[in-house]
Amino acid sequence: MSTARVQEIFDDWAQRGRAEGMESGHAFSARVGFEKLGLERGQHYLDVGCGNGYTVRWAAALVGDEGHAAGLDLAPEMVARAKQASAGLANVAFQQAAFPAHELEHGSFHGIFSMEVLYYLADVEGALAEIARLLVPGGRFACIVDYYRENPDSHAWPEDLGCPMTLLSMGGWRSAFESAGLDVLEQQCIQYPLGAGEEPSWKHTQGSLLTLGRRRG
């Protein structure tokens, strides 16, 4: 899978202001998944594919000065916006890297989050195994995807974007978690509330797929 193409897509979106649009568009399901991490003061947090860093800022407020919140993203333009929006927060850091290539210490995060990222990777199980290695024993990982087998409205996205994606079913995500050393604590489709005057879409009927895992050991 071409990391250059993925970077091109997300840099373009950042330059056109879509980083903030993704924050508002994903906030409902992201908050549901984020809160299931159960972060506490003094803990360490990582967002894989952090975009403009909005969940990193959520985490920074929870873990306090004794803790640390980090974000990693492939797109330099996204990282630049994350740093700008997080200026003045001493307990945050951002790294531009193509996951799982990074400079992060294994066994150092209590909670890891990823929103609409992992299906861009050719080796999803390898990425999940790396996430398990980054977690402390018992640490949690919340993964949310909109591109999955049971959501047929998403299946045209690879062709629309000119970018290969890994399509897994709900059961496929569960199996991939288990194979990577992550026990699945919960899996659900998060359905968005219908706003006034809004036409129903897949977000309201099928929803975003959340898989919550915990590192064994």
N, C-alpha and C. Protein backbone atom coordinates (compact mmCIF):
# COMPACT_ATOMS: atom_id res chain seq x y z
N MET A 1 0.85 -1.19 0.00
CA MET A 1 0.00 0.00 0.00
C MET A 1 0.89 1.24 0.00
N SER A 2 0.60 2.20 -0.82
CA SER A 2 1.47 3.34 -1.01
C SER A 2 1.32 4.37 0.11
N THR A 3 2.37 4.49 0.94
CA THR A 3 2.33 5.53 1.98
C THR A 3 2.40 6.91 1.35
N ALA A 4 3.06 7.00 0.19
CA ALA A 4 3.15 8.29 -0.49
C ALA A 4 1.77 8.79 -0.89
N ARG A 5 0.92 7.89 -1.37
CA ARG A 5 -0.43 8.29 -1.77
C ARG A 5 -1.26 8.69 -0.56
N VAL A 6 -1.15 7.93 0.53
CA VAL A 6 -1.89 8.27 1.74
C VAL A 6 -1.44 9.62 2.27
N GLN A 7 -0.13 9.86 2.29
CA GLN A 7 0.38 11.15 2.76
C GLN A 7 -0.13 12.28 1.87
N GLU A 8 -0.14 12.05 0.57
CA GLU A 8 -0.64 13.06 -0.37
C GLU A 8 -2.10 13.41 -0.07
N ILE A 9 -2.91 12.40 0.17
CA ILE A 9 -4.33 12.61 0.46
C ILE A 9 -4.50 13.47 1.70
N PHE A 10 -3.82 13.08 2.79
CA PHE A 10 -4.04 13.77 4.06
C PHE A 10 -3.38 15.14 4.11
N ASP A 11 -2.25 15.30 3.43
CA ASP A 11 -1.67 16.65 3.33
C ASP A 11 -2.62 17.58 2.58
N ASP A 12 -3.21 17.07 1.51
CA ASP A 12 -4.16 17.87 0.73
C ASP A 12 -5.37 18.24 1.58
N TRP A 13 -5.89 17.26 2.32
CA TRP A 13 -7.04 17.55 3.18
C TRP A 13 -6.70 18.59 4.24
N ALA A 14 -5.51 18.48 4.81
CA ALA A 14 -5.10 19.46 5.82
C ALA A 14 -5.01 20.86 5.23
N GLN A 15 -4.44 20.96 4.04
CA GLN A 15 -4.30 22.26 3.40
C GLN A 15 -5.64 22.88 3.03
N ARG A 16 -6.65 22.01 2.83
CA ARG A 16 -7.98 22.52 2.46
C ARG A 16 -8.91 22.64 3.67
N GLY A 17 -8.35 22.53 4.87
CA GLY A 17 -9.14 22.73 6.08
C GLY A 17 -9.93 21.54 6.54
N ARG A 18 -9.69 20.37 5.93
CA ARG A 18 -10.48 19.20 6.29
C ARG A 18 -10.03 18.56 7.61
N ALA A 19 -8.87 18.95 8.13
CA ALA A 19 -8.45 18.42 9.43
C ALA A 19 -9.47 18.80 10.49
N GLU A 20 -9.90 20.04 10.47
CA GLU A 20 -10.90 20.51 11.43
C GLU A 20 -12.26 19.91 11.12
N GLY A 21 -12.55 19.69 9.83
CA GLY A 21 -13.79 19.04 9.46
C GLY A 21 -13.86 17.61 9.94
N MET A 22 -12.72 16.92 9.88
CA MET A 22 -12.68 15.55 10.39
C MET A 22 -12.84 15.52 11.91
N GLU A 23 -12.28 16.52 12.56
CA GLU A 23 -12.45 16.60 14.02
C GLU A 23 -13.93 16.70 14.38
N SER A 24 -14.66 17.62 13.73
CA SER A 24 -16.07 17.78 14.05
C SER A 24 -16.89 16.59 13.56
N GLY A 25 -16.52 16.04 12.40
CA GLY A 25 -17.27 14.92 11.84
C GLY A 25 -17.10 13.62 12.61
N HIS A 26 -15.93 13.43 13.20
CA HIS A 26 -15.63 12.19 13.92
C HIS A 26 -15.82 12.30 15.43
N ALA A 27 -16.07 13.51 15.92
CA ALA A 27 -16.02 13.75 17.37
C ALA A 27 -16.96 12.85 18.16
N PHE A 28 -18.15 12.58 17.63
CA PHE A 28 -19.12 11.80 18.39
C PHE A 28 -18.61 10.39 18.65
N SER A 29 -18.23 9.67 17.59
CA SER A 29 -17.75 8.30 17.78
C SER A 29 -16.37 8.28 18.43
N ALA A 30 -15.54 9.27 18.12
CA ALA A 30 -14.21 9.33 18.74
C ALA A 30 -14.31 9.46 20.25
N ARG A 31 -15.23 10.28 20.71
CA ARG A 31 -15.40 10.46 22.16
C ARG A 31 -15.85 9.17 22.82
N VAL A 32 -16.74 8.43 22.17
CA VAL A 32 -17.20 7.15 22.74
C VAL A 32 -16.02 6.20 22.92
N GLY A 33 -15.22 6.04 21.86
CA GLY A 33 -14.07 5.15 21.94
C GLY A 33 -13.01 5.63 22.91
N PHE A 34 -12.73 6.92 22.88
CA PHE A 34 -11.71 7.51 23.74
C PHE A 34 -12.03 7.28 25.21
N GLU A 35 -13.27 7.47 25.59
CA GLU A 35 -13.64 7.34 27.00
C GLU A 35 -13.52 5.91 27.50
N LYS A 36 -13.60 4.94 26.60
CA LYS A 36 -13.47 3.54 27.00
C LYS A 36 -12.03 3.16 27.35
N LEU A 37 -11.08 4.04 27.05
CA LEU A 37 -9.70 3.79 27.46
C LEU A 37 -9.52 3.95 28.97
N GLY A 38 -10.40 4.72 29.60
CA GLY A 38 -10.33 4.89 31.05
C GLY A 38 -9.05 5.55 31.52
N LEU A 39 -8.57 6.54 30.79
CA LEU A 39 -7.31 7.20 31.16
C LEU A 39 -7.41 7.87 32.52
N GLU A 40 -6.28 7.82 33.24
CA GLU A 40 -6.20 8.43 34.57
C GLU A 40 -5.00 9.37 34.64
N ARG A 41 -5.00 10.19 35.65
CA ARG A 41 -3.93 11.16 35.86
C ARG A 41 -2.58 10.43 35.96
N GLY A 42 -1.58 10.98 35.30
CA GLY A 42 -0.25 10.42 35.36
C GLY A 42 0.04 9.37 34.30
N GLN A 43 -0.96 8.99 33.50
CA GLN A 43 -0.75 7.95 32.49
C GLN A 43 -0.25 8.53 31.16
N HIS A 44 0.11 7.61 30.26
CA HIS A 44 0.63 7.99 28.94
C HIS A 44 -0.32 7.52 27.86
N TYR A 45 -0.52 8.38 26.85
CA TYR A 45 -1.52 8.17 25.80
C TYR A 45 -0.89 8.38 24.43
N LEU A 46 -1.38 7.63 23.43
CA LEU A 46 -0.93 7.78 22.05
C LEU A 46 -2.11 7.70 21.11
N ASP A 47 -2.15 8.62 20.13
CA ASP A 47 -3.11 8.57 19.03
C ASP A 47 -2.33 8.24 17.76
N VAL A 48 -2.64 7.07 17.15
CA VAL A 48 -2.01 6.66 15.90
C VAL A 48 -2.84 7.20 14.74
N GLY A 49 -2.29 8.18 14.03
CA GLY A 49 -3.03 8.87 12.98
C GLY A 49 -3.81 10.01 13.59
N CYS A 50 -3.10 10.90 14.25
CA CYS A 50 -3.73 11.89 15.15
C CYS A 50 -4.40 13.06 14.44
N GLY A 51 -4.15 13.24 13.12
CA GLY A 51 -4.74 14.39 12.46
C GLY A 51 -4.31 15.69 13.11
N ASN A 52 -5.26 16.55 13.44
CA ASN A 52 -4.90 17.83 14.05
C ASN A 52 -4.73 17.73 15.57
N GLY A 53 -4.71 16.52 16.09
CA GLY A 53 -4.36 16.30 17.49
C GLY A 53 -5.47 16.50 18.49
N TYR A 54 -6.72 16.44 18.06
CA TYR A 54 -7.80 16.77 19.00
C TYR A 54 -7.90 15.77 20.14
N THR A 55 -7.71 14.46 19.89
CA THR A 55 -7.81 13.53 21.02
C THR A 55 -6.58 13.62 21.92
N VAL A 56 -5.45 14.05 21.36
CA VAL A 56 -4.26 14.25 22.18
C VAL A 56 -4.52 15.35 23.20
N ARG A 57 -5.22 16.37 22.78
CA ARG A 57 -5.56 17.45 23.71
C ARG A 57 -6.58 16.98 24.74
N TRP A 58 -7.53 16.13 24.33
CA TRP A 58 -8.45 15.53 25.30
C TRP A 58 -7.65 14.78 26.37
N ALA A 59 -6.71 13.97 25.91
CA ALA A 59 -5.92 13.14 26.83
C ALA A 59 -5.04 14.00 27.74
N ALA A 60 -4.46 15.05 27.19
CA ALA A 60 -3.58 15.92 27.98
C ALA A 60 -4.31 16.49 29.17
N ALA A 61 -5.57 16.84 28.98
CA ALA A 61 -6.37 17.39 30.08
C ALA A 61 -6.64 16.34 31.16
N LEU A 62 -6.76 15.07 30.76
CA LEU A 62 -7.05 14.00 31.72
C LEU A 62 -5.81 13.56 32.49
N VAL A 63 -4.69 13.38 31.79
CA VAL A 63 -3.51 12.80 32.44
C VAL A 63 -2.72 13.84 33.23
N GLY A 64 -2.93 15.11 32.96
CA GLY A 64 -2.29 16.16 33.73
C GLY A 64 -0.79 16.27 33.47
N ASP A 65 -0.16 17.14 34.23
CA ASP A 65 1.27 17.39 34.04
C ASP A 65 2.13 16.18 34.38
N GLU A 66 1.59 15.27 35.21
CA GLU A 66 2.35 14.07 35.57
C GLU A 66 2.33 13.04 34.44
N GLY A 67 1.39 13.17 33.51
CA GLY A 67 1.25 12.24 32.40
C GLY A 67 1.77 12.83 31.10
N HIS A 68 1.49 12.11 30.02
CA HIS A 68 1.98 12.56 28.71
C HIS A 68 1.02 12.08 27.63
N ALA A 69 0.80 12.92 26.63
CA ALA A 69 -0.08 12.59 25.51
C ALA A 69 0.67 12.83 24.21
N ALA A 70 0.70 11.81 23.35
CA ALA A 70 1.46 11.89 22.11
C ALA A 70 0.56 11.60 20.91
N GLY A 71 0.94 12.18 19.78
CA GLY A 71 0.24 11.91 18.53
C GLY A 71 1.24 11.60 17.44
N LEU A 72 0.86 10.67 16.58
CA LEU A 72 1.71 10.28 15.45
C LEU A 72 0.87 10.35 14.18
N ASP A 73 1.44 10.92 13.13
CA ASP A 73 0.71 11.01 11.87
C ASP A 73 1.70 10.98 10.71
N LEU A 74 1.26 10.37 9.61
CA LEU A 74 2.09 10.27 8.41
C LEU A 74 2.24 11.61 7.71
N ALA A 75 1.21 12.45 7.77
CA ALA A 75 1.16 13.68 6.96
C ALA A 75 1.79 14.86 7.69
N PRO A 76 2.86 15.44 7.13
CA PRO A 76 3.49 16.60 7.78
C PRO A 76 2.53 17.76 8.01
N GLU A 77 1.60 17.99 7.07
CA GLU A 77 0.66 19.10 7.22
C GLU A 77 -0.27 18.87 8.41
N MET A 78 -0.67 17.63 8.64
CA MET A 78 -1.50 17.33 9.80
C MET A 78 -0.72 17.56 11.09
N VAL A 79 0.53 17.09 11.13
CA VAL A 79 1.37 17.28 12.32
C VAL A 79 1.58 18.77 12.60
N ALA A 80 1.79 19.55 11.55
CA ALA A 80 1.97 20.99 11.73
C ALA A 80 0.74 21.62 12.37
N ARG A 81 -0.45 21.21 11.93
CA ARG A 81 -1.68 21.75 12.51
C ARG A 81 -1.87 21.28 13.94
N ALA A 82 -1.49 20.04 14.22
CA ALA A 82 -1.59 19.53 15.57
C ALA A 82 -0.69 20.31 16.53
N LYS A 83 0.52 20.58 16.09
CA LYS A 83 1.46 21.34 16.94
C LYS A 83 0.95 22.77 17.16
N GLN A 84 0.43 23.37 16.11
CA GLN A 84 -0.09 24.74 16.23
C GLN A 84 -1.27 24.81 17.19
N ALA A 85 -2.19 23.84 17.07
CA ALA A 85 -3.38 23.85 17.92
C ALA A 85 -3.07 23.49 19.37
N SER A 86 -1.92 22.84 19.59
CA SER A 86 -1.56 22.38 20.94
C SER A 86 -0.47 23.22 21.58
N ALA A 87 -0.13 24.34 20.96
CA ALA A 87 0.92 25.20 21.49
C ALA A 87 0.59 25.61 22.93
N GLY A 88 1.58 25.54 23.79
CA GLY A 88 1.38 25.91 25.18
C GLY A 88 1.08 24.74 26.09
N LEU A 89 0.82 23.56 25.53
CA LEU A 89 0.58 22.37 26.35
C LEU A 89 1.91 21.65 26.54
N ALA A 90 2.38 21.62 27.78
CA ALA A 90 3.71 21.07 28.05
C ALA A 90 3.75 19.55 28.03
N ASN A 91 2.60 18.90 28.17
CA ASN A 91 2.57 17.44 28.28
C ASN A 91 2.14 16.74 26.99
N VAL A 92 2.35 17.40 25.84
CA VAL A 92 2.01 16.79 24.56
C VAL A 92 3.23 16.80 23.64
N ALA A 93 3.23 15.84 22.70
CA ALA A 93 4.28 15.79 21.67
C ALA A 93 3.70 15.12 20.44
N PHE A 94 4.23 15.50 19.27
CA PHE A 94 3.77 14.95 18.01
C PHE A 94 4.97 14.48 17.20
N GLN A 95 4.76 13.39 16.46
CA GLN A 95 5.81 12.83 15.63
C GLN A 95 5.24 12.55 14.24
N GLN A 96 5.99 12.94 13.21
CA GLN A 96 5.60 12.63 11.84
C GLN A 96 6.30 11.34 11.44
N ALA A 97 5.52 10.29 11.20
CA ALA A 97 6.08 8.99 10.86
C ALA A 97 5.01 8.11 10.25
N ALA A 98 5.44 7.14 9.46
CA ALA A 98 4.53 6.16 8.86
C ALA A 98 4.47 4.95 9.78
N PHE A 99 3.37 4.78 10.48
CA PHE A 99 3.24 3.66 11.40
C PHE A 99 3.32 2.34 10.63
N PRO A 100 4.07 1.34 11.15
CA PRO A 100 4.67 1.25 12.48
C PRO A 100 6.11 1.73 12.57
N ALA A 101 6.62 2.51 11.61
CA ALA A 101 7.96 3.08 11.70
C ALA A 101 7.89 4.33 12.57
N HIS A 102 8.52 4.28 13.73
CA HIS A 102 8.42 5.39 14.67
C HIS A 102 9.57 5.33 15.66
N GLU A 103 9.61 6.28 16.58
CA GLU A 103 10.65 6.33 17.60
C GLU A 103 10.01 6.32 18.99
N LEU A 104 9.03 5.46 19.17
CA LEU A 104 8.30 5.39 20.43
C LEU A 104 8.74 4.16 21.22
N GLU A 105 8.73 4.28 22.53
CA GLU A 105 9.23 3.20 23.38
C GLU A 105 8.15 2.15 23.63
N HIS A 106 8.51 0.90 23.43
CA HIS A 106 7.58 -0.19 23.70
C HIS A 106 7.23 -0.25 25.18
N GLY A 107 6.00 -0.70 25.47
CA GLY A 107 5.55 -0.87 26.84
C GLY A 107 5.41 0.42 27.62
N SER A 108 5.09 1.52 26.93
CA SER A 108 5.09 2.82 27.61
C SER A 108 3.75 3.55 27.61
N PHE A 109 2.71 2.96 26.96
CA PHE A 109 1.42 3.66 26.87
C PHE A 109 0.32 2.88 27.57
N HIS A 110 -0.47 3.61 28.34
CA HIS A 110 -1.61 3.00 29.04
C HIS A 110 -2.85 2.94 28.15
N GLY A 111 -2.94 3.86 27.22
CA GLY A 111 -4.07 3.89 26.30
C GLY A 111 -3.62 4.35 24.93
N ILE A 112 -4.08 3.64 23.89
CA ILE A 112 -3.80 4.01 22.50
C ILE A 112 -5.12 4.08 21.75
N PHE A 113 -5.22 5.06 20.85
CA PHE A 113 -6.45 5.32 20.10
C PHE A 113 -6.11 5.46 18.63
N SER A 114 -7.02 5.04 17.76
CA SER A 114 -6.84 5.24 16.33
C SER A 114 -8.21 5.41 15.67
N MET A 115 -8.34 6.49 14.91
CA MET A 115 -9.61 6.82 14.24
C MET A 115 -9.41 6.83 12.73
N GLU A 116 -10.03 5.89 12.03
CA GLU A 116 -10.04 5.91 10.57
C GLU A 116 -8.62 5.87 9.97
N VAL A 117 -7.79 4.94 10.46
CA VAL A 117 -6.40 4.90 10.01
C VAL A 117 -5.95 3.51 9.58
N LEU A 118 -6.21 2.49 10.40
CA LEU A 118 -5.53 1.21 10.21
C LEU A 118 -5.85 0.53 8.88
N TYR A 119 -7.01 0.80 8.29
CA TYR A 119 -7.32 0.13 7.03
C TYR A 119 -6.49 0.66 5.86
N TYR A 120 -5.78 1.76 6.06
CA TYR A 120 -4.87 2.25 5.04
C TYR A 120 -3.58 1.42 4.99
N LEU A 121 -3.34 0.59 6.00
CA LEU A 121 -2.10 -0.17 6.11
C LEU A 121 -2.24 -1.53 5.44
N ALA A 122 -1.18 -1.96 4.76
CA ALA A 122 -1.21 -3.25 4.07
C ALA A 122 -1.19 -4.40 5.07
N ASP A 123 -0.46 -4.24 6.17
CA ASP A 123 -0.31 -5.30 7.17
C ASP A 123 -1.01 -4.87 8.47
N VAL A 124 -2.32 -5.07 8.51
CA VAL A 124 -3.08 -4.65 9.68
C VAL A 124 -2.67 -5.45 10.92
N GLU A 125 -2.49 -6.76 10.77
CA GLU A 125 -2.11 -7.57 11.93
C GLU A 125 -0.75 -7.16 12.46
N GLY A 126 0.19 -6.82 11.56
CA GLY A 126 1.50 -6.35 12.00
C GLY A 126 1.40 -5.04 12.76
N ALA A 127 0.53 -4.15 12.28
CA ALA A 127 0.33 -2.87 12.97
C ALA A 127 -0.28 -3.08 14.35
N LEU A 128 -1.25 -4.00 14.44
CA LEU A 128 -1.87 -4.30 15.73
C LEU A 128 -0.87 -4.93 16.69
N ALA A 129 0.01 -5.79 16.18
CA ALA A 129 1.04 -6.38 17.03
C ALA A 129 1.97 -5.31 17.57
N GLU A 130 2.29 -4.32 16.74
CA GLU A 130 3.13 -3.21 17.20
C GLU A 130 2.40 -2.38 18.25
N ILE A 131 1.12 -2.16 18.06
CA ILE A 131 0.34 -1.44 19.07
C ILE A 131 0.35 -2.20 20.39
N ALA A 132 0.21 -3.53 20.33
CA ALA A 132 0.27 -4.34 21.55
C ALA A 132 1.62 -4.17 22.24
N ARG A 133 2.71 -4.11 21.46
CA ARG A 133 4.04 -3.93 22.05
C ARG A 133 4.21 -2.56 22.68
N LEU A 134 3.52 -1.55 22.13
CA LEU A 134 3.62 -0.20 22.69
C LEU A 134 2.86 -0.05 24.00
N LEU A 135 1.86 -0.89 24.21
CA LEU A 135 1.04 -0.81 25.42
C LEU A 135 1.74 -1.42 26.63
N VAL A 136 1.43 -0.90 27.81
CA VAL A 136 1.81 -1.57 29.04
C VAL A 136 0.93 -2.82 29.16
N PRO A 137 1.35 -3.85 29.89
CA PRO A 137 0.46 -5.00 30.12
C PRO A 137 -0.87 -4.54 30.70
N GLY A 138 -1.95 -4.95 30.09
CA GLY A 138 -3.27 -4.51 30.52
C GLY A 138 -3.72 -3.20 29.91
N GLY A 139 -2.84 -2.55 29.15
CA GLY A 139 -3.20 -1.30 28.49
C GLY A 139 -4.26 -1.52 27.42
N ARG A 140 -5.02 -0.48 27.09
CA ARG A 140 -6.15 -0.59 26.17
C ARG A 140 -5.91 0.12 24.85
N PHE A 141 -6.50 -0.47 23.80
CA PHE A 141 -6.46 0.14 22.47
C PHE A 141 -7.87 0.23 21.93
N ALA A 142 -8.28 1.44 21.54
CA ALA A 142 -9.59 1.67 20.92
C ALA A 142 -9.39 2.02 19.45
N CYS A 143 -9.93 1.18 18.58
CA CYS A 143 -9.81 1.37 17.13
C CYS A 143 -11.19 1.62 16.54
N ILE A 144 -11.33 2.71 15.79
CA ILE A 144 -12.61 3.03 15.14
C ILE A 144 -12.37 3.12 13.63
N VAL A 145 -13.21 2.41 12.87
CA VAL A 145 -13.13 2.47 11.41
C VAL A 145 -14.55 2.61 10.84
N ASP A 146 -14.64 3.32 9.73
CA ASP A 146 -15.90 3.43 8.99
C ASP A 146 -15.90 2.53 7.75
N TYR A 147 -14.71 2.13 7.32
CA TYR A 147 -14.55 1.24 6.16
C TYR A 147 -14.45 -0.19 6.67
N TYR A 148 -15.56 -0.92 6.59
CA TYR A 148 -15.57 -2.31 7.03
C TYR A 148 -16.66 -3.06 6.26
N ARG A 149 -16.56 -4.38 6.28
CA ARG A 149 -17.37 -5.22 5.41
C ARG A 149 -18.88 -4.98 5.55
N GLU A 150 -19.33 -4.80 6.79
CA GLU A 150 -20.76 -4.66 7.03
C GLU A 150 -21.31 -3.27 6.71
N ASN A 151 -20.45 -2.37 6.25
CA ASN A 151 -20.88 -1.02 5.86
C ASN A 151 -20.70 -0.87 4.34
N PRO A 152 -21.64 -1.37 3.53
CA PRO A 152 -21.46 -1.35 2.07
C PRO A 152 -21.32 0.04 1.48
N ASP A 153 -21.83 1.05 2.16
CA ASP A 153 -21.71 2.41 1.64
C ASP A 153 -20.25 2.89 1.60
N SER A 154 -19.37 2.20 2.31
CA SER A 154 -17.96 2.59 2.34
C SER A 154 -17.12 1.87 1.30
N HIS A 155 -17.66 0.86 0.64
CA HIS A 155 -16.83 -0.03 -0.17
C HIS A 155 -16.23 0.62 -1.41
N ALA A 156 -16.78 1.73 -1.86
CA ALA A 156 -16.24 2.42 -3.04
C ALA A 156 -15.09 3.37 -2.70
N TRP A 157 -14.79 3.54 -1.44
CA TRP A 157 -13.78 4.53 -1.06
C TRP A 157 -12.41 4.31 -1.69
N PRO A 158 -11.89 3.08 -1.75
CA PRO A 158 -10.56 2.90 -2.37
C PRO A 158 -10.52 3.41 -3.80
N GLU A 159 -11.56 3.12 -4.58
CA GLU A 159 -11.60 3.60 -5.96
C GLU A 159 -11.77 5.11 -6.00
N ASP A 160 -12.62 5.65 -5.12
CA ASP A 160 -12.85 7.10 -5.10
C ASP A 160 -11.57 7.86 -4.80
N LEU A 161 -10.74 7.33 -3.89
CA LEU A 161 -9.52 8.02 -3.46
C LEU A 161 -8.28 7.59 -4.24
N GLY A 162 -8.41 6.53 -5.04
CA GLY A 162 -7.25 6.02 -5.74
C GLY A 162 -6.21 5.48 -4.79
N CYS A 163 -6.70 4.77 -3.76
CA CYS A 163 -5.80 4.30 -2.70
C CYS A 163 -6.28 2.94 -2.20
N PRO A 164 -5.45 1.90 -2.27
CA PRO A 164 -5.86 0.59 -1.75
C PRO A 164 -6.14 0.66 -0.25
N MET A 165 -7.10 -0.13 0.21
CA MET A 165 -7.45 -0.21 1.63
C MET A 165 -7.69 -1.67 2.00
N THR A 166 -7.51 -1.98 3.26
CA THR A 166 -7.75 -3.33 3.76
C THR A 166 -9.17 -3.43 4.30
N LEU A 167 -10.00 -4.22 3.63
CA LEU A 167 -11.40 -4.36 4.03
C LEU A 167 -11.56 -5.61 4.91
N LEU A 168 -11.92 -5.39 6.18
CA LEU A 168 -12.17 -6.48 7.12
C LEU A 168 -13.61 -6.42 7.60
N SER A 169 -14.14 -7.58 7.95
CA SER A 169 -15.45 -7.65 8.59
C SER A 169 -15.28 -7.38 10.09
N MET A 170 -16.40 -7.28 10.78
CA MET A 170 -16.34 -7.14 12.23
C MET A 170 -15.59 -8.33 12.85
N GLY A 171 -15.92 -9.53 12.36
CA GLY A 171 -15.23 -10.72 12.83
C GLY A 171 -13.75 -10.71 12.47
N GLY A 172 -13.43 -10.15 11.29
CA GLY A 172 -12.04 -10.05 10.88
C GLY A 172 -11.23 -9.14 11.78
N TRP A 173 -11.82 -8.03 12.20
CA TRP A 173 -11.14 -7.13 13.14
C TRP A 173 -10.94 -7.83 14.48
N ARG A 174 -11.94 -8.54 14.92
CA ARG A 174 -11.82 -9.26 16.19
C ARG A 174 -10.68 -10.29 16.12
N SER A 175 -10.64 -11.05 15.05
CA SER A 175 -9.59 -12.06 14.88
C SER A 175 -8.21 -11.42 14.80
N ALA A 176 -8.12 -10.29 14.08
CA ALA A 176 -6.83 -9.61 13.95
C ALA A 176 -6.33 -9.11 15.31
N PHE A 177 -7.24 -8.59 16.12
CA PHE A 177 -6.87 -8.16 17.48
C PHE A 177 -6.33 -9.34 18.28
N GLU A 178 -7.07 -10.43 18.28
CA GLU A 178 -6.69 -11.59 19.07
C GLU A 178 -5.34 -12.15 18.61
N SER A 179 -5.12 -12.21 17.30
CA SER A 179 -3.86 -12.72 16.76
C SER A 179 -2.67 -11.84 17.17
N ALA A 180 -2.93 -10.55 17.37
CA ALA A 180 -1.87 -9.61 17.71
C ALA A 180 -1.59 -9.55 19.21
N GLY A 181 -2.33 -10.32 20.01
CA GLY A 181 -2.12 -10.30 21.45
C GLY A 181 -2.99 -9.31 22.19
N LEU A 182 -4.12 -8.94 21.57
CA LEU A 182 -5.06 -8.00 22.19
C LEU A 182 -6.38 -8.72 22.42
N ASP A 183 -6.75 -8.89 23.66
CA ASP A 183 -8.05 -9.48 23.99
C ASP A 183 -9.14 -8.46 23.69
N VAL A 184 -10.17 -8.86 22.98
CA VAL A 184 -11.26 -7.95 22.64
C VAL A 184 -12.22 -7.83 23.82
N LEU A 185 -12.31 -6.63 24.36
CA LEU A 185 -13.20 -6.36 25.48
C LEU A 185 -14.60 -6.01 25.02
N GLU A 186 -14.68 -5.40 23.84
CA GLU A 186 -15.97 -4.90 23.36
C GLU A 186 -15.88 -4.61 21.88
N GLN A 187 -16.97 -4.81 21.18
CA GLN A 187 -17.08 -4.40 19.78
C GLN A 187 -18.50 -3.93 19.54
N GLN A 188 -18.63 -2.75 18.94
CA GLN A 188 -19.96 -2.20 18.70
C GLN A 188 -19.93 -1.26 17.51
N CYS A 189 -21.09 -1.07 16.89
CA CYS A 189 -21.26 -0.06 15.85
C CYS A 189 -21.88 1.17 16.51
N ILE A 190 -21.16 2.28 16.46
CA ILE A 190 -21.60 3.52 17.09
C ILE A 190 -22.44 4.29 16.08
N GLN A 191 -23.71 4.41 16.35
CA GLN A 191 -24.62 5.12 15.44
C GLN A 191 -24.78 6.57 15.89
N TYR A 192 -24.60 7.47 14.96
CA TYR A 192 -24.67 8.89 15.25
C TYR A 192 -26.12 9.33 15.42
N PRO A 193 -26.37 10.29 16.30
CA PRO A 193 -27.73 10.82 16.42
C PRO A 193 -28.10 11.64 15.18
N LEU A 194 -29.34 11.60 14.82
CA LEU A 194 -29.82 12.32 13.65
C LEU A 194 -30.14 13.76 14.04
N GLY A 195 -29.47 14.71 13.39
CA GLY A 195 -29.70 16.11 13.69
C GLY A 195 -30.96 16.64 13.06
N ALA A 196 -31.42 17.79 13.54
CA ALA A 196 -32.64 18.40 13.01
C ALA A 196 -32.47 18.71 11.52
N GLY A 197 -33.40 18.24 10.72
CA GLY A 197 -33.36 18.48 9.28
C GLY A 197 -32.34 17.66 8.52
N GLU A 198 -31.68 16.74 9.20
CA GLU A 198 -30.63 15.94 8.57
C GLU A 198 -31.21 14.68 7.95
N GLU A 199 -30.75 14.35 6.75
CA GLU A 199 -31.18 13.12 6.09
C GLU A 199 -30.37 11.94 6.64
N PRO A 200 -31.03 10.82 6.93
CA PRO A 200 -30.29 9.65 7.45
C PRO A 200 -29.25 9.15 6.45
N SER A 201 -28.10 8.73 6.96
CA SER A 201 -27.04 8.15 6.15
C SER A 201 -26.51 6.91 6.87
N TRP A 202 -25.47 6.32 6.32
CA TRP A 202 -24.88 5.13 6.95
C TRP A 202 -24.40 5.44 8.38
N LYS A 203 -24.04 6.69 8.65
CA LYS A 203 -23.59 7.04 10.01
C LYS A 203 -24.70 6.82 11.04
N HIS A 204 -25.94 7.00 10.60
CA HIS A 204 -27.07 6.86 11.52
C HIS A 204 -27.63 5.44 11.54
N THR A 205 -27.39 4.68 10.49
CA THR A 205 -27.96 3.33 10.39
C THR A 205 -26.93 2.26 10.71
N GLN A 206 -25.81 2.26 9.99
CA GLN A 206 -24.75 1.27 10.23
C GLN A 206 -23.80 1.74 11.32
N GLY A 207 -23.27 2.95 11.16
CA GLY A 207 -22.42 3.55 12.18
C GLY A 207 -20.94 3.20 12.05
N SER A 208 -20.15 3.75 12.95
CA SER A 208 -18.71 3.53 12.99
C SER A 208 -18.41 2.31 13.85
N LEU A 209 -17.47 1.49 13.38
CA LEU A 209 -17.14 0.26 14.09
C LEU A 209 -16.04 0.50 15.11
N LEU A 210 -16.35 0.27 16.37
CA LEU A 210 -15.38 0.35 17.46
C LEU A 210 -15.00 -1.05 17.91
N THR A 211 -13.68 -1.30 17.96
CA THR A 211 -13.16 -2.52 18.57
C THR A 211 -12.23 -2.10 19.70
N LEU A 212 -12.52 -2.55 20.89
CA LEU A 212 -11.73 -2.19 22.07
C LEU A 212 -10.95 -3.42 22.54
N GLY A 213 -9.63 -3.28 22.61
CA GLY A 213 -8.79 -4.39 23.02
C GLY A 213 -7.93 -4.06 24.23
N ARG A 214 -7.42 -5.12 24.85
CA ARG A 214 -6.53 -4.97 26.00
C ARG A 214 -5.32 -5.88 25.81
N ARG A 215 -4.14 -5.34 26.05
CA ARG A 215 -2.93 -6.14 25.91
C ARG A 215 -2.89 -7.24 26.97
N ARG A 216 -2.59 -8.45 26.51
CA ARG A 216 -2.45 -9.56 27.43
C ARG A 216 -1.20 -9.41 28.29
N GLY A 217 -1.27 -10.00 29.48
CA GLY A 217 -0.10 -10.02 30.34
C GLY A 217 -0.17 -9.03 31.47
